[in-house]
Amino acid sequence: MNVFRIGQQAVFRISLKDDVGRPLVYRSYWNLVVYVMDFRGKRKMRPSLLDLGQNGYIGVSFNASVIGNFWLRVGDEYSQIKNSPFVFSVLPG
């Protein structure tokens, strides 16, 4: 599990692959939706999607501003990318 400290700028580097495991190149016109939720389903923290300029990878960045355990969901309106949601914790400083 990923662990961050409160106040830290958190960055996830996420692999994008097609159905047979080949790397995908992120396109800015994709309608990817990213958000952080607590385990009760309430949205927390505002993540930003980053184009890392690397084939097959995107980044998601946010300020770890709330202590607890969370999910980072990446997908579109209807489905999630492979391995999403990603579980992480934010600990006291």
Protein backbone atom coordinates (compact mmCIF):
# COMPACT_ATOMS: atom_id res chain seq x y z
CA MET A 1 0.00 0.00 0.00
CA ASN A 2 1.18 3.53 -0.75
CA VAL A 3 1.72 5.73 2.31
CA PHE A 4 2.04 9.52 2.37
CA ARG A 5 2.46 12.08 5.15
CA ILE A 6 -0.06 14.85 5.70
CA GLY A 7 0.94 18.00 3.85
CA GLN A 8 3.02 16.02 1.35
CA GLN A 9 2.52 16.41 -2.39
CA ALA A 10 1.60 12.84 -3.37
CA VAL A 11 2.21 11.48 -6.87
CA PHE A 12 1.05 8.14 -8.26
CA ARG A 13 2.76 6.86 -11.41
CA ILE A 14 0.17 4.64 -13.07
CA SER A 15 0.72 2.14 -15.87
CA LEU A 16 -1.81 2.24 -18.73
CA LYS A 17 -2.21 -0.99 -20.70
CA ASP A 18 -4.65 -2.36 -23.24
CA ASP A 19 -6.57 -5.62 -22.84
CA VAL A 20 -3.57 -7.76 -23.81
CA GLY A 21 -1.04 -5.88 -21.70
CA ARG A 22 0.55 -3.55 -24.28
CA PRO A 23 1.43 -0.02 -23.05
CA LEU A 24 -0.95 2.75 -24.10
CA VAL A 25 0.11 6.31 -24.84
CA TYR A 26 -1.99 8.80 -22.86
CA ARG A 27 -3.94 11.24 -25.02
CA SER A 28 -5.16 14.50 -23.51
CA TYR A 29 -8.54 14.13 -25.23
CA TRP A 30 -9.31 10.99 -23.23
CA ASN A 31 -12.03 11.73 -20.71
CA LEU A 32 -10.25 10.21 -17.72
CA VAL A 33 -11.77 11.02 -14.36
CA VAL A 34 -9.63 10.91 -11.22
CA TYR A 35 -10.76 11.34 -7.65
CA VAL A 36 -9.86 10.38 -4.10
CA MET A 37 -12.52 8.81 -1.88
CA ASP A 38 -12.55 7.63 1.70
CA PHE A 39 -13.86 4.13 2.39
CA ARG A 40 -17.37 5.51 3.03
CA GLY A 41 -17.51 6.78 -0.56
CA LYS A 42 -17.05 10.50 0.20
CA ARG A 43 -14.78 12.42 -2.12
CA LYS A 44 -11.67 13.88 -0.49
CA MET A 45 -8.71 15.86 -1.87
CA ARG A 46 -8.59 17.10 -5.45
CA PRO A 47 -6.21 15.14 -7.67
CA SER A 48 -4.74 16.38 -10.94
CA LEU A 49 -3.93 14.23 -13.94
CA LEU A 50 -0.35 14.59 -15.22
CA ASP A 51 1.03 13.65 -18.62
CA LEU A 52 4.43 12.23 -17.69
CA GLY A 53 5.56 12.15 -21.32
CA GLN A 54 6.29 8.46 -20.99
CA ASN A 55 4.59 5.83 -23.11
CA GLY A 56 2.26 3.75 -21.02
CA TYR A 57 2.23 5.96 -17.91
CA ILE A 58 0.23 8.81 -16.44
CA GLY A 59 0.66 10.56 -13.14
CA VAL A 60 -1.90 11.64 -10.58
CA SER A 61 -0.89 14.32 -8.10
CA PHE A 62 -2.64 15.73 -5.02
CA ASN A 63 -1.88 17.36 -1.69
CA ALA A 64 -2.29 14.77 1.09
CA SER A 65 -4.43 16.99 3.29
CA VAL A 66 -6.58 14.52 5.26
CA ILE A 67 -5.37 11.70 7.55
CA GLY A 68 -6.87 8.27 6.86
CA ASN A 69 -7.22 5.46 4.33
CA PHE A 70 -8.39 6.24 0.80
CA TRP A 71 -9.02 5.02 -2.73
CA LEU A 72 -7.71 6.75 -5.82
CA ARG A 73 -10.05 6.00 -8.72
CA VAL A 74 -8.96 6.48 -12.34
CA GLY A 75 -11.28 5.81 -15.25
CA ASP A 76 -14.10 7.33 -17.20
CA GLU A 77 -17.74 7.84 -16.29
CA TYR A 78 -18.53 4.15 -16.63
CA SER A 79 -15.44 2.07 -15.86
CA GLN A 80 -12.03 2.13 -14.23
CA ILE A 81 -8.58 1.41 -15.60
CA LYS A 82 -6.92 -1.86 -14.66
CA ASN A 83 -6.00 -2.08 -10.93
CA SER A 84 -8.10 0.97 -10.03
CA PRO A 85 -9.01 1.92 -7.37
CA PHE A 86 -5.58 2.27 -5.80
CA VAL A 87 -5.49 2.10 -2.00
CA PHE A 88 -3.32 4.47 0.03
CA SER A 89 -2.97 5.97 3.51
CA VAL A 90 -2.15 9.45 4.76
CA LEU A 91 -0.38 9.51 8.14
CA PRO A 92 0.32 12.38 10.53
CA GLY A 93 3.45 14.45 9.77
